[in-house]
Amino acid sequence: MIEAAMIWNEPNNKSHWDPALDPDWSRFAEHVIRAGRAIHAVNPAVTRVLGGMSPIDPHWLRRLEGYGALDVVDAVAVHGFPLDWNLWPLAAWPDKIAEIEAVTDKPVWVTEVGVSSFGAEQVQVFGLNETAALLKHRVPRIFWYSLFDLPVSWGAETRHREAEGSSYYRHFYLGLIREDGTPKPSLEAYAKHAADVGLMQWFHYEDPRLDEAVAWMKRLGTRHIRTGLSWADSFRPNAIDWFDRQMEALSDFEVTVTFCFTPAHLGLAPHHTSPAADPQGFADFCAWMIDRYAPAQPQKVAASIPVTVDTRVDASPFATLHFDRDERLAGERSAA
């Protein structure tokens, strides 16, 4: 079910990572290194993806490479919204991919791309078809953002209304389906590309749209889904029941799951964009989620090969991760 684990979301964007607390991204690199190793220790078959950069910035990627962060990921990701926010034209998508390929040999995934219908729904149809034509045979994975419009009443807490002005409101109209549940013209356009273009859909804690989303995605023929499991949300009441329900609902798709958002009580500052005071806490969360939803398949051992079971405490595959789910998570929740 889970084919990939994405380490954070848009870490070079202040909406998701606070540059005032980590101006050189060295703290973020430590988060990536610890999380990448933790995920691999639990299940080496899961593809580790560096959280999608926005803006697309090869210099930022080289900085992370200098810290050793690219050694623990299998792919890097980019996000782009050229018809809404980026300062480059839609036709430049191949050039933007090439900028990243020039500085790394890792595969480049496009884990968020979209067009708002804020100005005109016909623009969204045009943007979807053109984007698919530019990227379908260019990168291994594409995720269109998103299936649903964001309800205006929910607010866009990862955006900056005061700084963005009218651009802020574009964020609410990126879906293929309107807030009232009716399809936009772009939904029919997307269906023609669903086999090659996945969908990126954030599901909020106890999101009432989950079952409807799954029904739409199956109807459309979508194969690949990107979503998120929030470290911060894991401290909400009955959070694991919600995580279980979400991941079970998505079990028929190939899922890229994004791990991000710092719990307020565990950050250097009490905000979801803050680096963690202890980056190992984030790594442990990633390992816990992979162990729960994508555990490694046991290897078959030939009968002729003797098997020795090492019962020492440090023989656990999690020993090097300081990964004790029960004690660490109970301690964090007690502190919360």
C-alpha atoms as a PDB file:
ATOM      1  CA  MET A   1       0.000   0.000   0.000  1.00  0.00           C
ATOM      2  CA  ILE A   2       2.680   2.542   0.989  1.00  0.00           C
ATOM      3  CA  GLU A   3       5.200   2.786  -1.815  1.00  0.00           C
ATOM      4  CA  ALA A   4       6.980   5.904  -0.568  1.00  0.00           C
ATOM      5  CA  ALA A   5       7.554   7.986   2.541  1.00  0.00           C
ATOM      6  CA  MET A   6       8.056  11.700   2.056  1.00  0.00           C
ATOM      7  CA  ILE A   7      10.169  13.469   4.656  1.00  0.00           C
ATOM      8  CA  TRP A   8       8.465  16.806   5.351  1.00  0.00           C
ATOM      9  CA  ASN A   9       6.603  19.087   2.974  1.00  0.00           C
ATOM     10  CA  GLU A  10       8.012  22.214   1.281  1.00  0.00           C
ATOM     11  CA  PRO A  11      10.874  22.619   3.755  1.00  0.00           C
ATOM     12  CA  ASN A  12      12.332  25.611   1.902  1.00  0.00           C
ATOM     13  CA  ASN A  13       9.027  27.476   2.209  1.00  0.00           C
ATOM     14  CA  LYS A  14       8.322  29.451   5.391  1.00  0.00           C
ATOM     15  CA  SER A  15       4.752  28.164   5.389  1.00  0.00           C
ATOM     16  CA  HIS A  16       6.131  24.763   6.421  1.00  0.00           C
ATOM     17  CA  TRP A  17       9.581  25.376   7.949  1.00  0.00           C
ATOM     18  CA  ASP A  18      10.670  28.410   9.925  1.00  0.00           C
ATOM     19  CA  PRO A  19      13.899  29.825   8.402  1.00  0.00           C
ATOM     20  CA  ALA A  20      14.342  32.159  11.364  1.00  0.00           C
ATOM     21  CA  LEU A  21      14.923  29.107  13.566  1.00  0.00           C
ATOM     22  CA  ASP A  22      17.045  27.242  11.025  1.00  0.00           C
ATOM     23  CA  PRO A  23      18.569  29.788   8.608  1.00  0.00           C
ATOM     24  CA  ASP A  24      21.081  27.377   7.052  1.00  0.00           C
ATOM     25  CA  TRP A  25      18.775  24.306   7.057  1.00  0.00           C
ATOM     26  CA  SER A  26      21.289  22.316   9.094  1.00  0.00           C
ATOM     27  CA  ARG A  27      18.600  21.374  11.614  1.00  0.00           C
ATOM     28  CA  PHE A  28      16.317  20.272   8.805  1.00  0.00           C
ATOM     29  CA  ALA A  29      19.123  18.152   7.357  1.00  0.00           C
ATOM     30  CA  GLU A  30      19.461  16.404  10.708  1.00  0.00           C
ATOM     31  CA  HIS A  31      15.719  15.676  10.685  1.00  0.00           C
ATOM     32  CA  VAL A  32      16.061  14.161   7.197  1.00  0.00           C
ATOM     33  CA  ILE A  33      19.106  12.064   8.067  1.00  0.00           C
ATOM     34  CA  ARG A  34      17.561  10.607  11.202  1.00  0.00           C
ATOM     35  CA  ALA A  35      14.169  10.008   9.573  1.00  0.00           C
ATOM     36  CA  GLY A  36      15.677   8.520   6.416  1.00  0.00           C
ATOM     37  CA  ARG A  37      17.732   6.050   8.420  1.00  0.00           C
ATOM     38  CA  ALA A  38      14.768   5.186  10.639  1.00  0.00           C
ATOM     39  CA  ILE A  39      12.435   4.484   7.719  1.00  0.00           C
ATOM     40  CA  HIS A  40      15.050   2.333   5.983  1.00  0.00           C
ATOM     41  CA  ALA A  41      15.691   0.342   9.173  1.00  0.00           C
ATOM     42  CA  VAL A  42      12.015  -0.537   9.475  1.00  0.00           C
ATOM     43  CA  ASN A  43      11.391  -1.309   5.792  1.00  0.00           C
ATOM     44  CA  PRO A  44      14.172  -0.920   3.215  1.00  0.00           C
ATOM     45  CA  ALA A  45      11.644  -1.410   0.390  1.00  0.00           C
ATOM     46  CA  VAL A  46       9.902   1.909   1.068  1.00  0.00           C
ATOM     47  CA  THR A  47      11.129   4.685  -1.232  1.00  0.00           C
ATOM     48  CA  ARG A  48      12.301   7.697   0.789  1.00  0.00           C
ATOM     49  CA  VAL A  49      11.517  11.033  -0.854  1.00  0.00           C
ATOM     50  CA  LEU A  50      12.963  14.367   0.202  1.00  0.00           C
ATOM     51  CA  GLY A  51      10.028  16.702   0.924  1.00  0.00           C
ATOM     52  CA  GLY A  52       8.960  18.625  -2.164  1.00  0.00           C
ATOM     53  CA  MET A  53      10.867  21.876  -2.496  1.00  0.00           C
ATOM     54  CA  SER A  54       8.898  25.031  -3.244  1.00  0.00           C
ATOM     55  CA  PRO A  55      10.354  27.081  -4.820  1.00  0.00           C
ATOM     56  CA  ILE A  56      12.370  24.748  -7.045  1.00  0.00           C
ATOM     57  CA  ASP A  57      15.894  25.593  -5.955  1.00  0.00           C
ATOM     58  CA  PRO A  58      19.006  23.607  -6.984  1.00  0.00           C
ATOM     59  CA  HIS A  59      21.186  25.713  -4.663  1.00  0.00           C
ATOM     60  CA  TRP A  60      19.075  24.700  -1.669  1.00  0.00           C
ATOM     61  CA  LEU A  61      19.362  21.068  -2.722  1.00  0.00           C
ATOM     62  CA  ARG A  62      23.149  21.331  -2.975  1.00  0.00           C
ATOM     63  CA  ARG A  63      23.224  22.759   0.537  1.00  0.00           C
ATOM     64  CA  LEU A  64      21.365  19.721   1.854  1.00  0.00           C
ATOM     65  CA  GLU A  65      23.684  17.460  -0.096  1.00  0.00           C
ATOM     66  CA  GLY A  66      26.602  19.095   1.683  1.00  0.00           C
ATOM     67  CA  TYR A  67      25.102  18.061   5.019  1.00  0.00           C
ATOM     68  CA  GLY A  68      24.733  14.441   3.837  1.00  0.00           C
ATOM     69  CA  ALA A  69      20.922  14.541   3.697  1.00  0.00           C
ATOM     70  CA  LEU A  70      20.730  13.162   0.150  1.00  0.00           C
ATOM     71  CA  ASP A  71      22.572  10.027   1.246  1.00  0.00           C
ATOM     72  CA  VAL A  72      19.463   8.815   3.076  1.00  0.00           C
ATOM     73  CA  VAL A  73      16.801   9.466   0.406  1.00  0.00           C
ATOM     74  CA  ASP A  74      16.021   7.658  -2.830  1.00  0.00           C
ATOM     75  CA  ALA A  75      14.303  10.503  -4.699  1.00  0.00           C
ATOM     76  CA  VAL A  76      13.855  14.257  -4.459  1.00  0.00           C
ATOM     77  CA  ALA A  77      10.598  16.098  -5.025  1.00  0.00           C
ATOM     78  CA  VAL A  78       9.533  19.451  -6.418  1.00  0.00           C
ATOM     79  CA  HIS A  79       6.305  21.459  -6.283  1.00  0.00           C
ATOM     80  CA  GLY A  80       5.158  24.012  -8.814  1.00  0.00           C
ATOM     81  CA  PHE A  81       2.170  26.279  -9.442  1.00  0.00           C
ATOM     82  CA  PRO A  82       3.332  28.460 -12.343  1.00  0.00           C
ATOM     83  CA  LEU A  83      -0.117  29.784 -13.261  1.00  0.00           C
ATOM     84  CA  ASP A  84      -0.763  30.961  -9.712  1.00  0.00           C
ATOM     85  CA  TRP A  85       2.357  31.698  -7.638  1.00  0.00           C
ATOM     86  CA  ASN A  86       5.648  30.825  -9.309  1.00  0.00           C
ATOM     87  CA  LEU A  87       7.618  33.394 -11.287  1.00  0.00           C
ATOM     88  CA  TRP A  88       8.118  31.189 -14.320  1.00  0.00           C
ATOM     89  CA  PRO A  89       5.823  30.138 -17.205  1.00  0.00           C
ATOM     90  CA  LEU A  90       3.964  26.844 -17.427  1.00  0.00           C
ATOM     91  CA  ALA A  91       6.024  25.786 -20.452  1.00  0.00           C
ATOM     92  CA  ALA A  92       9.187  25.943 -18.311  1.00  0.00           C
ATOM     93  CA  TRP A  93       8.350  22.733 -16.410  1.00  0.00           C
ATOM     94  CA  PRO A  94      10.917  20.602 -18.318  1.00  0.00           C
ATOM     95  CA  ASP A  95      13.568  23.251 -17.682  1.00  0.00           C
ATOM     96  CA  LYS A  96      12.796  23.330 -13.953  1.00  0.00           C
ATOM     97  CA  ILE A  97      13.141  19.546 -13.763  1.00  0.00           C
ATOM     98  CA  ALA A  98      16.432  19.767 -15.639  1.00  0.00           C
ATOM     99  CA  GLU A  99      17.753  22.316 -13.111  1.00  0.00           C
ATOM    100  CA  ILE A 100      17.399  19.721 -10.358  1.00  0.00           C
ATOM    101  CA  GLU A 101      18.690  16.841 -12.468  1.00  0.00           C
ATOM    102  CA  ALA A 102      21.820  18.893 -13.100  1.00  0.00           C
ATOM    103  CA  VAL A 103      22.778  18.784  -9.402  1.00  0.00           C
ATOM    104  CA  THR A 104      21.703  15.273  -8.351  1.00  0.00           C
ATOM    105  CA  ASP A 105      21.433  11.776  -9.756  1.00  0.00           C
ATOM    106  CA  LYS A 106      18.340  11.079  -7.650  1.00  0.00           C
ATOM    107  CA  PRO A 107      15.027  10.642  -9.523  1.00  0.00           C
ATOM    108  CA  VAL A 108      12.908  13.811  -9.495  1.00  0.00           C
ATOM    109  CA  TRP A 109       9.250  13.456  -8.503  1.00  0.00           C
ATOM    110  CA  VAL A 110       6.634  16.181  -8.968  1.00  0.00           C
ATOM    111  CA  THR A 111       4.617  15.668  -5.800  1.00  0.00           C
ATOM    112  CA  GLU A 112       2.443  18.778  -6.071  1.00  0.00           C
ATOM    113  CA  VAL A 113       1.328  20.580  -9.184  1.00  0.00           C
ATOM    114  CA  GLY A 114      -1.932  22.389  -9.701  1.00  0.00           C
ATOM    115  CA  VAL A 115      -3.907  25.288 -11.090  1.00  0.00           C
ATOM    116  CA  SER A 116      -6.501  27.293  -9.187  1.00  0.00           C
ATOM    117  CA  SER A 117      -9.927  27.920 -10.686  1.00  0.00           C
ATOM    118  CA  PHE A 118     -10.155  31.180  -8.719  1.00  0.00           C
ATOM    119  CA  GLY A 119     -10.042  33.298 -11.872  1.00  0.00           C
ATOM    120  CA  ALA A 120     -11.759  30.957 -14.324  1.00  0.00           C
ATOM    121  CA  GLU A 121     -12.474  27.237 -14.344  1.00  0.00           C
ATOM    122  CA  GLN A 122     -11.464  27.049 -18.007  1.00  0.00           C
ATOM    123  CA  VAL A 123      -7.950  28.116 -17.015  1.00  0.00           C
ATOM    124  CA  GLN A 124      -7.740  25.115 -14.706  1.00  0.00           C
ATOM    125  CA  VAL A 125      -8.719  22.754 -17.540  1.00  0.00           C
ATOM    126  CA  PHE A 126      -6.077  24.267 -19.807  1.00  0.00           C
ATOM    127  CA  GLY A 127      -3.432  24.099 -17.083  1.00  0.00           C
ATOM    128  CA  LEU A 128      -4.179  20.488 -16.237  1.00  0.00           C
ATOM    129  CA  ASN A 129      -3.975  19.270 -19.828  1.00  0.00           C
ATOM    130  CA  GLU A 130      -0.806  21.242 -20.553  1.00  0.00           C
ATOM    131  CA  THR A 131       0.889  20.122 -17.341  1.00  0.00           C
ATOM    132  CA  ALA A 132       0.084  16.476 -18.034  1.00  0.00           C
ATOM    133  CA  ALA A 133       1.465  16.773 -21.565  1.00  0.00           C
ATOM    134  CA  LEU A 134       4.692  18.336 -20.265  1.00  0.00           C
ATOM    135  CA  LEU A 135       5.339  15.941 -17.383  1.00  0.00           C
ATOM    136  CA  LYS A 136       3.715  12.548 -18.034  1.00  0.00           C
ATOM    137  CA  HIS A 137       6.725  11.109 -19.823  1.00  0.00           C
ATOM    138  CA  ARG A 138       9.290  13.288 -18.082  1.00  0.00           C
ATOM    139  CA  VAL A 139       9.218  12.204 -14.406  1.00  0.00           C
ATOM    140  CA  PRO A 140       8.417   8.951 -12.553  1.00  0.00           C
ATOM    141  CA  ARG A 141       5.617  10.384 -10.385  1.00  0.00           C
ATOM    142  CA  ILE A 142       3.203  13.318 -10.732  1.00  0.00           C
ATOM    143  CA  PHE A 143       0.577  14.272  -8.146  1.00  0.00           C
ATOM    144  CA  TRP A 144      -2.122  16.788  -9.005  1.00  0.00           C
ATOM    145  CA  TYR A 145      -3.170  19.039  -6.132  1.00  0.00           C
ATOM    146  CA  SER A 146      -5.960  18.443  -5.368  1.00  0.00           C
ATOM    147  CA  LEU A 147      -9.202  16.464  -5.572  1.00  0.00           C
ATOM    148  CA  PHE A 148     -11.312  18.791  -3.391  1.00  0.00           C
ATOM    149  CA  ASP A 149     -11.422  22.541  -2.981  1.00  0.00           C
ATOM    150  CA  LEU A 150     -10.426  23.593   0.515  1.00  0.00           C
ATOM    151  CA  PRO A 151     -13.535  24.765   2.395  1.00  0.00           C
ATOM    152  CA  VAL A 152     -13.216  28.511   2.919  1.00  0.00           C
ATOM    153  CA  SER A 153     -14.438  28.144   6.497  1.00  0.00           C
ATOM    154  CA  TRP A 154     -11.446  25.935   7.337  1.00  0.00           C
ATOM    155  CA  GLY A 155      -8.838  28.576   6.578  1.00  0.00           C
ATOM    156  CA  ALA A 156      -5.470  27.957   4.959  1.00  0.00           C
ATOM    157  CA  GLU A 157      -3.165  27.933   7.958  1.00  0.00           C
ATOM    158  CA  THR A 158      -0.062  27.139   5.937  1.00  0.00           C
ATOM    159  CA  ARG A 159      -0.557  30.278   3.834  1.00  0.00           C
ATOM    160  CA  HIS A 160       0.024  33.933   4.702  1.00  0.00           C
ATOM    161  CA  ARG A 161      -3.101  35.977   4.052  1.00  0.00           C
ATOM    162  CA  GLU A 162      -1.566  39.280   5.128  1.00  0.00           C
ATOM    163  CA  ALA A 163       1.442  38.879   2.832  1.00  0.00           C
ATOM    164  CA  GLU A 164      -0.258  37.260  -0.154  1.00  0.00           C
ATOM    165  CA  GLY A 165      -3.300  39.455  -0.658  1.00  0.00           C
ATOM    166  CA  SER A 166      -5.640  38.073  -3.323  1.00  0.00           C
ATOM    167  CA  SER A 167      -3.167  35.254  -4.056  1.00  0.00           C
ATOM    168  CA  TYR A 168      -4.129  33.768  -0.692  1.00  0.00           C
ATOM    169  CA  TYR A 169      -7.620  32.999  -1.969  1.00  0.00           C
ATOM    170  CA  ARG A 170      -6.351  30.977  -4.920  1.00  0.00           C
ATOM    171  CA  HIS A 171      -5.415  28.290  -2.404  1.00  0.00           C
ATOM    172  CA  PHE A 172      -9.093  27.487  -1.791  1.00  0.00           C
ATOM    173  CA  TYR A 173      -9.889  26.701  -5.445  1.00  0.00           C
ATOM    174  CA  LEU A 174      -7.242  24.155  -6.437  1.00  0.00           C
ATOM    175  CA  GLY A 175      -9.595  21.161  -6.352  1.00  0.00           C
ATOM    176  CA  LEU A 176     -11.275  19.296  -9.176  1.00  0.00           C
ATOM    177  CA  ILE A 177     -14.455  19.254  -7.108  1.00  0.00           C
ATOM    178  CA  ARG A 178     -16.096  22.340  -5.611  1.00  0.00           C
ATOM    179  CA  GLU A 179     -16.739  22.792  -1.900  1.00  0.00           C
ATOM    180  CA  ASP A 180     -20.412  21.912  -2.452  1.00  0.00           C
ATOM    181  CA  GLY A 181     -19.409  18.529  -3.933  1.00  0.00           C
ATOM    182  CA  THR A 182     -20.145  19.311  -7.585  1.00  0.00           C
ATOM    183  CA  PRO A 183     -17.514  18.511 -10.237  1.00  0.00           C
ATOM    184  CA  LYS A 184     -15.650  21.223 -12.089  1.00  0.00           C
ATOM    185  CA  PRO A 185     -14.916  20.828 -15.826  1.00  0.00           C
ATOM    186  CA  SER A 186     -11.349  19.913 -14.845  1.00  0.00           C
ATOM    187  CA  LEU A 187     -12.529  16.646 -13.253  1.00  0.00           C
ATOM    188  CA  GLU A 188     -13.430  15.231 -16.659  1.00  0.00           C
ATOM    189  CA  ALA A 189     -10.109  16.468 -18.025  1.00  0.00           C
ATOM    190  CA  TYR A 190      -8.225  14.796 -15.181  1.00  0.00           C
ATOM    191  CA  ALA A 191      -9.957  11.449 -15.763  1.00  0.00           C
ATOM    192  CA  LYS A 192      -8.172  11.169 -19.110  1.00  0.00           C
ATOM    193  CA  HIS A 193      -4.812  11.336 -17.319  1.00  0.00           C
ATOM    194  CA  ALA A 194      -5.653   9.438 -14.111  1.00  0.00           C
ATOM    195  CA  ALA A 195      -3.585   6.376 -14.995  1.00  0.00           C
ATOM    196  CA  ASP A 196      -0.438   8.500 -15.206  1.00  0.00           C
ATOM    197  CA  VAL A 197      -1.147  11.434 -12.894  1.00  0.00           C
ATOM    198  CA  GLY A 198      -1.816  10.728  -9.234  1.00  0.00           C
ATOM    199  CA  LEU A 199      -3.727  12.906  -6.798  1.00  0.00           C
ATOM    200  CA  MET A 200      -2.409  14.740  -3.775  1.00  0.00           C
ATOM    201  CA  GLN A 201      -5.088  15.189  -1.122  1.00  0.00           C
ATOM    202  CA  TRP A 202      -4.483  16.285   2.450  1.00  0.00           C
ATOM    203  CA  PHE A 203      -7.018  14.779   4.822  1.00  0.00           C
ATOM    204  CA  HIS A 204      -7.537  16.870   7.925  1.00  0.00           C
ATOM    205  CA  TYR A 205      -7.955  15.177  11.294  1.00  0.00           C
ATOM    206  CA  GLU A 206     -11.238  13.220  11.144  1.00  0.00           C
ATOM    207  CA  ASP A 207     -11.890  14.665   7.688  1.00  0.00           C
ATOM    208  CA  PRO A 208     -15.517  13.982   6.719  1.00  0.00           C
ATOM    209  CA  ARG A 209     -14.554  13.850   3.026  1.00  0.00           C
ATOM    210  CA  LEU A 210     -12.437  10.690   3.263  1.00  0.00           C
ATOM    211  CA  ASP A 211     -14.976   8.126   2.030  1.00  0.00           C
ATOM    212  CA  GLU A 212     -16.231  10.428  -0.701  1.00  0.00           C
ATOM    213  CA  ALA A 213     -12.650  10.997  -1.855  1.00  0.00           C
ATOM    214  CA  VAL A 214     -11.945   7.278  -2.075  1.00  0.00           C
ATOM    215  CA  ALA A 215     -15.128   6.704  -4.089  1.00  0.00           C
ATOM    216  CA  TRP A 216     -14.213   9.488  -6.532  1.00  0.00           C
ATOM    217  CA  MET A 217     -10.618   8.292  -6.930  1.00  0.00           C
ATOM    218  CA  LYS A 218     -11.722   4.744  -7.697  1.00  0.00           C
ATOM    219  CA  ARG A 219     -14.297   6.014 -10.165  1.00  0.00           C
ATOM    220  CA  LEU A 220     -11.662   8.147 -11.887  1.00  0.00           C
ATOM    221  CA  GLY A 221      -9.166   5.285 -12.127  1.00  0.00           C
ATOM    222  CA  THR A 222      -6.523   7.012 -10.010  1.00  0.00           C
ATOM    223  CA  ARG A 223      -3.697   4.665  -9.069  1.00  0.00           C
ATOM    224  CA  HIS A 224      -1.283   6.798  -7.065  1.00  0.00           C
ATOM    225  CA  ILE A 225      -2.231   8.898  -4.031  1.00  0.00           C
ATOM    226  CA  ARG A 226      -0.155  11.259  -1.944  1.00  0.00           C
ATOM    227  CA  THR A 227      -1.417  12.234   1.495  1.00  0.00           C
ATOM    228  CA  GLY A 228      -0.026  13.070   4.915  1.00  0.00           C
ATOM    229  CA  LEU A 229       0.211  11.823   8.478  1.00  0.00           C
ATOM    230  CA  SER A 230       0.874  14.717  10.796  1.00  0.00           C
ATOM    231  CA  TRP A 231       3.263  14.291  13.710  1.00  0.00           C
ATOM    232  CA  ALA A 232       1.376  17.101  15.434  1.00  0.00           C
ATOM    233  CA  ASP A 233      -1.983  15.385  14.867  1.00  0.00           C
ATOM    234  CA  SER A 234      -0.675  12.207  16.503  1.00  0.00           C
ATOM    235  CA  PHE A 235      -1.225  13.933  19.855  1.00  0.00           C
ATOM    236  CA  ARG A 236      -4.923  14.573  19.277  1.00  0.00           C
ATOM    237  CA  PRO A 237      -7.494  12.405  21.088  1.00  0.00           C
ATOM    238  CA  ASN A 238      -8.071   9.123  19.218  1.00  0.00           C
ATOM    239  CA  ALA A 239      -5.458  10.115  16.640  1.00  0.00           C
ATOM    240  CA  ILE A 240      -4.345   6.562  15.951  1.00  0.00           C
ATOM    241  CA  ASP A 241      -7.927   5.459  15.344  1.00  0.00           C
ATOM    242  CA  TRP A 242      -8.139   8.203  12.718  1.00  0.00           C
ATOM    243  CA  PHE A 243      -4.775   7.286  11.167  1.00  0.00           C
ATOM    244  CA  ASP A 244      -5.874   3.641  10.987  1.00  0.00           C
ATOM    245  CA  ARG A 245      -9.147   4.592   9.306  1.00  0.00           C
ATOM    246  CA  GLN A 246      -7.414   6.863   6.804  1.00  0.00           C
ATOM    247  CA  MET A 247      -4.781   4.342   5.794  1.00  0.00           C
ATOM    248  CA  GLU A 248      -7.281   1.488   5.585  1.00  0.00           C
ATOM    249  CA  ALA A 249      -9.491   3.587   3.307  1.00  0.00           C
ATOM    250  CA  LEU A 250      -6.512   4.180   0.986  1.00  0.00           C
ATOM    251  CA  SER A 251      -5.346   0.568   0.979  1.00  0.00           C
ATOM    252  CA  ASP A 252      -6.304  -0.056  -2.662  1.00  0.00           C
ATOM    253  CA  PHE A 253      -3.953   2.686  -3.928  1.00  0.00           C
ATOM    254  CA  GLU A 254      -0.201   3.106  -4.158  1.00  0.00           C
ATOM    255  CA  VAL A 255       0.336   5.682  -1.424  1.00  0.00           C
ATOM    256  CA  THR A 256       3.072   8.229  -0.882  1.00  0.00           C
ATOM    257  CA  VAL A 257       2.678   9.288   2.732  1.00  0.00           C
ATOM    258  CA  THR A 258       4.128  12.586   3.916  1.00  0.00           C
ATOM    259  CA  PHE A 259       5.419  12.964   7.478  1.00  0.00           C
ATOM    260  CA  CYS A 260       5.536  16.552   8.726  1.00  0.00           C
ATOM    261  CA  PHE A 261       4.334  19.232  11.176  1.00  0.00           C
ATOM    262  CA  THR A 262       6.018  19.565  14.551  1.00  0.00           C
ATOM    263  CA  PRO A 263       3.872  19.230  17.702  1.00  0.00           C
ATOM    264  CA  ALA A 264       3.840  22.602  19.475  1.00  0.00           C
ATOM    265  CA  HIS A 265       5.212  21.190  22.721  1.00  0.00           C
ATOM    266  CA  LEU A 266       8.147  19.468  20.976  1.00  0.00           C
ATOM    267  CA  GLY A 267       9.394  22.346  18.807  1.00  0.00           C
ATOM    268  CA  LEU A 268      12.044  24.968  19.423  1.00  0.00           C
ATOM    269  CA  ALA A 269       9.052  27.296  19.096  1.00  0.00           C
ATOM    270  CA  PRO A 270       5.405  26.285  19.707  1.00  0.00           C
ATOM    271  CA  HIS A 271       4.452  26.080  16.024  1.00  0.00           C
ATOM    272  CA  HIS A 272       4.074  23.366  13.371  1.00  0.00           C
ATOM    273  CA  THR A 273       6.834  24.935  11.227  1.00  0.00           C
ATOM    274  CA  SER A 274       9.429  24.766  13.995  1.00  0.00           C
ATOM    275  CA  PRO A 275      12.365  22.358  14.018  1.00  0.00           C
ATOM    276  CA  ALA A 276      11.971  19.769  16.731  1.00  0.00           C
ATOM    277  CA  ALA A 277      13.964  20.294  19.907  1.00  0.00           C
ATOM    278  CA  ASP A 278      14.942  16.631  19.533  1.00  0.00           C
ATOM    279  CA  PRO A 279      14.986  15.542  15.863  1.00  0.00           C
ATOM    280  CA  GLN A 280      15.044  11.918  16.971  1.00  0.00           C
ATOM    281  CA  GLY A 281      11.434  12.352  18.049  1.00  0.00           C
ATOM    282  CA  PHE A 282      10.470  13.017  14.438  1.00  0.00           C
ATOM    283  CA  ALA A 283      12.501  10.027  13.261  1.00  0.00           C
ATOM    284  CA  ASP A 284      10.760   7.828  15.804  1.00  0.00           C
ATOM    285  CA  PHE A 285       7.368   9.017  14.579  1.00  0.00           C
ATOM    286  CA  CYS A 286       8.324   8.128  10.987  1.00  0.00           C
ATOM    287  CA  ALA A 287       9.572   4.697  12.053  1.00  0.00           C
ATOM    288  CA  TRP A 288       6.423   4.081  14.078  1.00  0.00           C
ATOM    289  CA  MET A 289       4.146   4.948  11.137  1.00  0.00           C
ATOM    290  CA  ILE A 290       6.097   2.755   8.697  1.00  0.00           C
ATOM    291  CA  ASP A 291       6.151  -0.100  11.203  1.00  0.00           C
ATOM    292  CA  ARG A 292       2.371   0.240  11.617  1.00  0.00           C
ATOM    293  CA  TYR A 293       1.313   0.715   7.995  1.00  0.00           C
ATOM    294  CA  ALA A 294       4.148  -0.677   5.866  1.00  0.00           C
ATOM    295  CA  PRO A 295       6.103  -3.238   7.881  1.00  0.00           C
ATOM    296  CA  ALA A 296       8.797  -5.163   6.076  1.00  0.00           C
ATOM    297  CA  GLN A 297       7.794  -8.585   4.809  1.00  0.00           C
ATOM    298  CA  PRO A 298       9.617 -11.398   6.635  1.00  0.00           C
ATOM    299  CA  GLN A 299      12.348 -12.987   4.577  1.00  0.00           C
ATOM    300  CA  LYS A 300      12.081 -16.701   3.848  1.00  0.00           C
ATOM    301  CA  VAL A 301      15.123 -18.636   5.067  1.00  0.00           C
ATOM    302  CA  ALA A 302      16.144 -21.909   3.442  1.00  0.00           C
ATOM    303  CA  ALA A 303      15.700 -24.894   5.765  1.00  0.00           C
ATOM    304  CA  SER A 304      19.323 -25.940   5.291  1.00  0.00           C
ATOM    305  CA  ILE A 305      20.619 -22.672   6.735  1.00  0.00           C
ATOM    306  CA  PRO A 306      20.783 -22.652  10.540  1.00  0.00           C
ATOM    307  CA  VAL A 307      19.153 -19.622  12.125  1.00  0.00           C
ATOM    308  CA  THR A 308      20.523 -18.172  15.328  1.00  0.00           C
ATOM    309  CA  VAL A 309      18.251 -15.906  17.334  1.00  0.00           C
ATOM    310  CA  ASP A 310      20.167 -13.205  19.160  1.00  0.00           C
ATOM    311  CA  THR A 311      18.270 -12.303  22.300  1.00  0.00           C
ATOM    312  CA  ARG A 312      20.522  -9.453  23.393  1.00  0.00           C
ATOM    313  CA  VAL A 313      18.781  -6.135  24.011  1.00  0.00           C
ATOM    314  CA  ASP A 314      20.826  -4.368  21.335  1.00  0.00           C
ATOM    315  CA  ALA A 315      19.878  -6.930  18.675  1.00  0.00           C
ATOM    316  CA  SER A 316      16.626  -5.097  17.961  1.00  0.00           C
ATOM    317  CA  PRO A 317      16.568  -3.473  14.498  1.00  0.00           C
ATOM    318  CA  PHE A 318      15.395  -0.316  16.267  1.00  0.00           C
ATOM    319  CA  ALA A 319      18.247  -0.225  18.794  1.00  0.00           C
ATOM    320  CA  THR A 320      20.323   2.226  16.774  1.00  0.00           C
ATOM    321  CA  LEU A 321      17.268   4.468  16.385  1.00  0.00           C
ATOM    322  CA  HIS A 322      16.601   4.822  20.124  1.00  0.00           C
ATOM    323  CA  PHE A 323      13.172   3.638  18.998  1.00  0.00           C
ATOM    324  CA  ASP A 324      10.993   2.533  21.878  1.00  0.00           C
ATOM    325  CA  ARG A 325       7.501   3.402  20.746  1.00  0.00           C
ATOM    326  CA  ASP A 326       5.738   2.697  24.009  1.00  0.00           C
ATOM    327  CA  GLU A 327       8.089   4.572  26.309  1.00  0.00           C
ATOM    328  CA  ARG A 328       8.936   7.513  24.070  1.00  0.00           C
ATOM    329  CA  LEU A 329       5.420   8.126  22.830  1.00  0.00           C
ATOM    330  CA  ALA A 330       3.916   7.700  26.276  1.00  0.00           C
ATOM    331  CA  GLY A 331       6.436  10.188  27.612  1.00  0.00           C
ATOM    332  CA  GLU A 332       5.702  12.720  24.878  1.00  0.00           C
ATOM    333  CA  ARG A 333       1.965  12.445  25.384  1.00  0.00           C
ATOM    334  CA  SER A 334       2.356  12.777  29.129  1.00  0.00           C
ATOM    335  CA  ALA A 335       4.337  15.969  28.588  1.00  0.00           C
ATOM    336  CA  ALA A 336       1.667  17.236  26.205  1.00  0.00           C
END
